[in-house]
N, C-alpha and C. Protein backbone atom coordinates (compact mmCIF):
# COMPACT_ATOMS: atom_id res chain seq x y z
N UNK A 1 0.84 -1.20 0.00
CA UNK A 1 0.00 0.00 0.00
C UNK A 1 0.88 1.25 0.00
N UNK A 2 0.62 2.14 -0.94
CA UNK A 2 1.39 3.37 -1.03
C UNK A 2 0.95 4.33 0.07
N UNK A 3 1.92 4.92 0.71
CA UNK A 3 1.65 5.94 1.72
C UNK A 3 2.60 7.12 1.50
N UNK A 4 2.05 8.31 1.64
CA UNK A 4 2.86 9.53 1.62
C UNK A 4 2.45 10.35 2.83
N UNK A 5 3.41 10.75 3.61
CA UNK A 5 3.15 11.45 4.87
C UNK A 5 4.01 12.70 4.94
N UNK A 6 3.35 13.86 5.06
CA UNK A 6 4.07 15.12 5.11
C UNK A 6 4.41 15.51 6.54
N UNK A 7 5.45 16.32 6.66
CA UNK A 7 5.80 16.92 7.94
C UNK A 7 6.61 18.18 7.67
N UNK A 8 6.74 19.01 8.69
CA UNK A 8 7.62 20.18 8.59
C UNK A 8 6.93 21.51 8.46
N UNK A 9 5.61 21.52 8.39
CA UNK A 9 4.93 22.80 8.30
C UNK A 9 5.02 23.58 9.59
N UNK A 10 4.58 24.83 9.55
CA UNK A 10 4.61 25.66 10.74
C UNK A 10 4.33 27.10 10.41
N UNK A 11 4.62 27.95 11.38
CA UNK A 11 4.41 29.39 11.22
C UNK A 11 5.74 30.10 11.14
N UNK A 12 5.82 31.07 10.23
CA UNK A 12 7.07 31.77 10.03
C UNK A 12 6.80 33.16 9.48
N UNK A 13 7.73 34.06 9.69
CA UNK A 13 7.56 35.41 9.15
C UNK A 13 8.00 35.46 7.69
N UNK A 14 7.41 36.41 6.99
CA UNK A 14 7.78 36.61 5.58
C UNK A 14 9.28 36.81 5.44
N UNK A 15 9.82 36.19 4.40
CA UNK A 15 11.25 36.25 4.17
C UNK A 15 12.00 35.07 4.73
N UNK A 16 11.36 34.30 5.58
CA UNK A 16 12.00 33.16 6.20
C UNK A 16 11.95 31.92 5.33
N UNK A 17 12.42 30.81 5.91
CA UNK A 17 12.52 29.55 5.19
C UNK A 17 11.91 28.41 6.00
N UNK A 18 11.38 27.45 5.29
CA UNK A 18 10.88 26.21 5.88
C UNK A 18 11.24 25.06 4.96
N UNK A 19 11.36 23.89 5.53
CA UNK A 19 11.64 22.69 4.74
C UNK A 19 10.60 21.64 5.07
N UNK A 20 9.88 21.23 4.06
CA UNK A 20 8.87 20.19 4.21
C UNK A 20 9.45 18.85 3.80
N UNK A 21 8.95 17.80 4.43
CA UNK A 21 9.37 16.44 4.10
C UNK A 21 8.16 15.58 3.81
N UNK A 22 8.28 14.74 2.81
CA UNK A 22 7.24 13.76 2.49
C UNK A 22 7.91 12.38 2.53
N UNK A 23 7.47 11.56 3.47
CA UNK A 23 7.96 10.18 3.54
C UNK A 23 7.10 9.31 2.66
N UNK A 24 7.70 8.70 1.66
CA UNK A 24 6.96 7.92 0.68
C UNK A 24 7.33 6.44 0.79
N UNK A 25 6.33 5.59 0.76
CA UNK A 25 6.59 4.16 0.86
C UNK A 25 5.54 3.37 0.12
N UNK A 26 5.86 2.12 -0.20
CA UNK A 26 4.89 1.20 -0.78
C UNK A 26 4.84 1.18 -2.30
N UNK A 27 5.69 1.97 -2.96
CA UNK A 27 5.67 1.96 -4.42
C UNK A 27 6.28 0.65 -4.94
N UNK A 28 5.62 0.04 -5.92
CA UNK A 28 6.09 -1.23 -6.45
C UNK A 28 7.16 -1.06 -7.51
N UNK A 29 7.31 0.14 -8.02
CA UNK A 29 8.36 0.41 -9.00
C UNK A 29 8.77 1.86 -8.86
N UNK A 30 9.78 2.26 -9.62
CA UNK A 30 10.23 3.64 -9.58
C UNK A 30 9.52 4.50 -10.62
N UNK A 31 8.57 3.93 -11.35
CA UNK A 31 7.88 4.66 -12.39
C UNK A 31 6.69 5.42 -11.83
N UNK A 32 6.99 6.46 -11.08
CA UNK A 32 5.93 7.30 -10.55
C UNK A 32 6.43 8.73 -10.45
N UNK A 33 5.49 9.62 -10.45
CA UNK A 33 5.76 11.04 -10.30
C UNK A 33 5.30 11.45 -8.91
N UNK A 34 6.04 12.30 -8.26
CA UNK A 34 5.68 12.73 -6.91
C UNK A 34 5.97 14.21 -6.76
N UNK A 35 5.14 14.89 -5.99
CA UNK A 35 5.35 16.32 -5.88
C UNK A 35 4.56 16.96 -4.76
N UNK A 36 4.51 18.27 -4.83
CA UNK A 36 3.87 19.10 -3.81
C UNK A 36 2.75 19.93 -4.43
N UNK A 37 1.65 19.99 -3.69
CA UNK A 37 0.52 20.86 -4.02
C UNK A 37 0.20 21.68 -2.78
N UNK A 38 -0.59 22.72 -2.97
CA UNK A 38 -1.04 23.49 -1.82
C UNK A 38 -2.46 23.96 -2.04
N UNK A 39 -3.12 24.24 -0.94
CA UNK A 39 -4.53 24.63 -1.02
C UNK A 39 -4.86 25.57 0.12
N UNK A 40 -5.60 26.61 -0.21
CA UNK A 40 -6.16 27.51 0.80
C UNK A 40 -7.66 27.32 0.80
N UNK A 41 -8.33 27.58 1.91
CA UNK A 41 -9.79 27.38 1.98
C UNK A 41 -10.50 28.17 0.89
N UNK A 42 -11.42 27.51 0.24
CA UNK A 42 -12.22 28.17 -0.79
C UNK A 42 -11.60 28.19 -2.17
N UNK A 43 -10.40 27.67 -2.28
CA UNK A 43 -9.73 27.65 -3.58
C UNK A 43 -9.34 26.23 -3.96
N UNK A 44 -9.11 26.03 -5.26
CA UNK A 44 -8.69 24.72 -5.72
C UNK A 44 -7.24 24.43 -5.31
N UNK A 45 -6.97 23.15 -5.18
CA UNK A 45 -5.60 22.75 -4.89
C UNK A 45 -4.74 23.04 -6.12
N UNK A 46 -3.58 23.64 -5.91
CA UNK A 46 -2.70 23.98 -7.01
C UNK A 46 -1.35 23.29 -6.85
N UNK A 47 -0.78 22.93 -8.01
CA UNK A 47 0.51 22.26 -7.91
C UNK A 47 1.61 23.28 -7.68
N UNK A 48 2.62 22.83 -6.98
CA UNK A 48 3.75 23.69 -6.62
C UNK A 48 5.02 23.23 -7.33
N UNK A 49 5.30 21.94 -7.21
CA UNK A 49 6.50 21.38 -7.85
C UNK A 49 6.35 19.87 -7.88
N UNK A 50 6.96 19.24 -8.87
CA UNK A 50 6.95 17.79 -8.89
C UNK A 50 8.21 17.24 -9.56
N UNK A 51 8.48 16.00 -9.27
CA UNK A 51 9.66 15.31 -9.81
C UNK A 51 9.20 14.10 -10.60
N UNK A 52 9.66 14.01 -11.84
CA UNK A 52 9.32 12.87 -12.69
C UNK A 52 10.23 11.68 -12.38
N UNK A 53 9.94 10.52 -12.91
CA UNK A 53 10.82 9.36 -12.67
C UNK A 53 12.27 9.58 -13.13
N UNK A 54 12.49 10.46 -14.11
CA UNK A 54 13.86 10.72 -14.56
C UNK A 54 14.52 11.83 -13.75
N UNK A 55 13.89 12.24 -12.66
CA UNK A 55 14.37 13.28 -11.76
C UNK A 55 14.24 14.69 -12.31
N UNK A 56 13.62 14.84 -13.48
CA UNK A 56 13.32 16.18 -13.96
C UNK A 56 12.33 16.82 -13.00
N UNK A 57 12.60 18.05 -12.62
CA UNK A 57 11.77 18.75 -11.65
C UNK A 57 11.13 19.97 -12.31
N UNK A 58 9.86 20.14 -12.05
CA UNK A 58 9.13 21.25 -12.64
C UNK A 58 8.52 22.09 -11.52
N UNK A 59 8.53 23.41 -11.71
CA UNK A 59 8.02 24.32 -10.70
C UNK A 59 6.93 25.21 -11.27
N UNK A 60 5.95 25.51 -10.42
CA UNK A 60 4.98 26.53 -10.78
C UNK A 60 5.67 27.89 -10.81
N UNK A 61 5.18 28.75 -11.66
CA UNK A 61 5.80 30.07 -11.83
C UNK A 61 5.84 30.85 -10.52
N UNK A 62 4.84 30.66 -9.69
CA UNK A 62 4.74 31.44 -8.46
C UNK A 62 5.83 31.11 -7.44
N UNK A 63 6.49 29.97 -7.59
CA UNK A 63 7.50 29.56 -6.60
C UNK A 63 8.88 29.37 -7.22
N UNK A 64 8.96 29.43 -8.55
CA UNK A 64 10.24 29.17 -9.21
C UNK A 64 11.28 30.17 -8.74
N UNK A 65 12.45 29.66 -8.39
CA UNK A 65 13.52 30.51 -7.89
C UNK A 65 13.52 30.66 -6.38
N UNK A 66 12.43 30.30 -5.74
CA UNK A 66 12.34 30.40 -4.27
C UNK A 66 12.25 29.03 -3.62
N UNK A 67 11.57 28.10 -4.28
CA UNK A 67 11.36 26.76 -3.74
C UNK A 67 12.23 25.76 -4.51
N UNK A 68 12.69 24.75 -3.79
CA UNK A 68 13.45 23.67 -4.41
C UNK A 68 12.90 22.33 -3.93
N UNK A 69 12.53 21.48 -4.88
CA UNK A 69 12.06 20.14 -4.57
C UNK A 69 13.17 19.15 -4.90
N UNK A 70 13.44 18.25 -4.00
CA UNK A 70 14.40 17.18 -4.28
C UNK A 70 14.06 15.98 -3.41
N UNK A 71 14.80 14.90 -3.63
CA UNK A 71 14.56 13.71 -2.82
C UNK A 71 15.87 13.02 -2.52
N UNK A 72 15.82 12.14 -1.53
CA UNK A 72 17.04 11.47 -1.14
C UNK A 72 17.39 10.39 -2.16
N UNK A 73 18.60 9.86 -2.07
CA UNK A 73 19.08 8.92 -3.08
C UNK A 73 18.26 7.63 -3.11
N UNK A 74 17.69 7.27 -1.99
CA UNK A 74 16.86 6.06 -1.94
C UNK A 74 15.45 6.31 -2.43
N UNK A 75 15.14 7.56 -2.72
CA UNK A 75 13.82 7.98 -3.21
C UNK A 75 12.71 7.58 -2.24
N UNK A 76 13.05 7.67 -0.97
CA UNK A 76 12.03 7.38 0.04
C UNK A 76 11.50 8.64 0.68
N UNK A 77 12.19 9.74 0.46
CA UNK A 77 11.73 11.01 1.01
C UNK A 77 11.81 12.09 -0.05
N UNK A 78 10.78 12.91 -0.07
CA UNK A 78 10.72 14.07 -0.96
C UNK A 78 10.76 15.30 -0.07
N UNK A 79 11.49 16.31 -0.51
CA UNK A 79 11.63 17.52 0.28
C UNK A 79 11.16 18.72 -0.52
N UNK A 80 10.77 19.76 0.21
CA UNK A 80 10.48 21.04 -0.42
C UNK A 80 11.13 22.11 0.43
N UNK A 81 12.21 22.66 -0.07
CA UNK A 81 12.88 23.76 0.60
C UNK A 81 12.24 25.05 0.13
N UNK A 82 11.66 25.78 1.06
CA UNK A 82 10.94 27.01 0.73
C UNK A 82 11.70 28.20 1.31
N UNK A 83 12.23 29.03 0.45
CA UNK A 83 12.96 30.22 0.86
C UNK A 83 12.20 31.47 0.45
N UNK A 84 12.57 32.58 1.06
CA UNK A 84 11.95 33.88 0.73
C UNK A 84 10.44 33.77 0.75
N UNK A 85 9.92 33.19 1.81
CA UNK A 85 8.48 32.95 1.89
C UNK A 85 7.70 34.26 1.91
N UNK A 86 6.55 34.20 1.27
CA UNK A 86 5.65 35.35 1.19
C UNK A 86 4.33 35.00 1.88
N UNK A 87 3.59 36.02 2.24
CA UNK A 87 2.31 35.76 2.90
C UNK A 87 1.39 34.94 2.00
N UNK A 88 1.52 35.14 0.69
CA UNK A 88 0.66 34.40 -0.23
C UNK A 88 1.05 32.92 -0.36
N UNK A 89 2.13 32.52 0.27
CA UNK A 89 2.49 31.11 0.31
C UNK A 89 1.73 30.37 1.41
N UNK A 90 1.00 31.10 2.23
CA UNK A 90 0.22 30.48 3.29
C UNK A 90 -0.79 29.51 2.70
N UNK A 91 -0.76 28.25 3.15
CA UNK A 91 -1.64 27.21 2.62
C UNK A 91 -1.37 25.92 3.37
N UNK A 92 -2.22 24.94 3.12
CA UNK A 92 -1.89 23.58 3.53
C UNK A 92 -1.18 22.91 2.36
N UNK A 93 -0.03 22.34 2.63
CA UNK A 93 0.79 21.73 1.59
C UNK A 93 0.61 20.22 1.63
N UNK A 94 0.37 19.66 0.46
CA UNK A 94 0.13 18.24 0.31
C UNK A 94 1.19 17.60 -0.56
N UNK A 95 1.57 16.41 -0.16
CA UNK A 95 2.41 15.56 -1.01
C UNK A 95 1.48 14.65 -1.79
N UNK A 96 1.72 14.53 -3.09
CA UNK A 96 0.89 13.69 -3.93
C UNK A 96 1.73 12.90 -4.91
N UNK A 97 1.19 11.77 -5.35
CA UNK A 97 1.93 10.94 -6.30
C UNK A 97 0.96 10.19 -7.21
N UNK A 98 1.48 9.83 -8.37
CA UNK A 98 0.72 9.01 -9.30
C UNK A 98 1.67 8.14 -10.08
N UNK A 99 1.22 7.01 -10.52
CA UNK A 99 2.03 6.17 -11.38
C UNK A 99 2.17 6.80 -12.74
N UNK A 100 3.35 6.64 -13.34
CA UNK A 100 3.55 7.22 -14.65
C UNK A 100 4.54 8.35 -14.66
N UNK A 101 4.61 9.03 -15.80
CA UNK A 101 5.70 9.95 -16.06
C UNK A 101 5.49 11.35 -15.51
N UNK A 102 4.30 11.90 -15.71
CA UNK A 102 4.09 13.32 -15.42
C UNK A 102 2.94 13.50 -14.44
N UNK A 103 3.16 14.34 -13.46
CA UNK A 103 2.14 14.53 -12.41
C UNK A 103 0.91 15.27 -12.89
N UNK A 104 1.02 15.99 -13.99
CA UNK A 104 -0.12 16.79 -14.44
C UNK A 104 -0.90 16.13 -15.57
N UNK A 105 -0.50 14.92 -15.95
CA UNK A 105 -1.15 14.28 -17.08
C UNK A 105 -2.28 13.36 -16.68
N UNK A 106 -2.58 13.28 -15.39
CA UNK A 106 -3.68 12.44 -14.94
C UNK A 106 -3.97 12.67 -13.47
N UNK A 107 -4.91 11.95 -12.98
CA UNK A 107 -5.35 12.12 -11.58
C UNK A 107 -4.27 11.66 -10.61
N UNK A 108 -4.09 12.45 -9.57
CA UNK A 108 -3.19 12.05 -8.50
C UNK A 108 -3.83 10.89 -7.73
N UNK A 109 -3.08 9.82 -7.57
CA UNK A 109 -3.65 8.62 -6.97
C UNK A 109 -3.49 8.55 -5.45
N UNK A 110 -2.43 9.18 -4.96
CA UNK A 110 -2.16 9.10 -3.52
C UNK A 110 -1.88 10.48 -2.97
N UNK A 111 -2.53 10.82 -1.89
CA UNK A 111 -2.36 12.10 -1.22
C UNK A 111 -1.98 11.87 0.24
N UNK A 112 -1.16 12.77 0.75
CA UNK A 112 -0.92 12.80 2.18
C UNK A 112 -2.02 13.59 2.87
N UNK A 113 -1.88 13.73 4.17
CA UNK A 113 -2.91 14.41 4.96
C UNK A 113 -2.72 15.93 4.97
N UNK A 114 -1.59 16.39 4.50
CA UNK A 114 -1.32 17.82 4.44
C UNK A 114 -0.62 18.34 5.68
N UNK A 115 0.16 19.39 5.47
CA UNK A 115 0.83 20.06 6.59
C UNK A 115 0.66 21.57 6.39
N UNK A 116 0.20 22.28 7.41
CA UNK A 116 -0.09 23.71 7.23
C UNK A 116 1.16 24.58 7.31
N UNK A 117 1.19 25.57 6.47
CA UNK A 117 2.24 26.59 6.47
C UNK A 117 1.58 27.95 6.57
N UNK A 118 1.99 28.72 7.55
CA UNK A 118 1.45 30.07 7.73
C UNK A 118 2.60 31.06 7.71
N UNK A 119 2.51 32.01 6.77
CA UNK A 119 3.54 33.04 6.63
C UNK A 119 2.92 34.38 7.01
N UNK A 120 3.48 35.00 8.02
CA UNK A 120 2.93 36.26 8.51
C UNK A 120 3.83 37.43 8.10
N UNK A 121 3.21 38.59 8.00
CA UNK A 121 3.97 39.78 7.58
C UNK A 121 4.65 40.45 8.75
């Protein structure tokens, strides 16, 4: 059974940094895409960054240059280093994964429970 579990959220002032972790387990092969999404109440969940099976990483325009997604060599943990945080980054951050090449080409099959991030001015 695939499980993804996020941790590392919290409260921080604008301009600060946070590092999120997603512990991933249960994948039967390495052919899956995994990444980060975020959601604020009343809005749709939006993708932030994801890593393809070939380790190509893609970022949403709103976070490019500030956030970095990577994973450990065993591919059991996914990280999101968030620098230069802005108040508009406030959201619940979710780790998500799907089998296949690209995270945006189909429905996300596995979601974590989310970890809240609050950025204050």
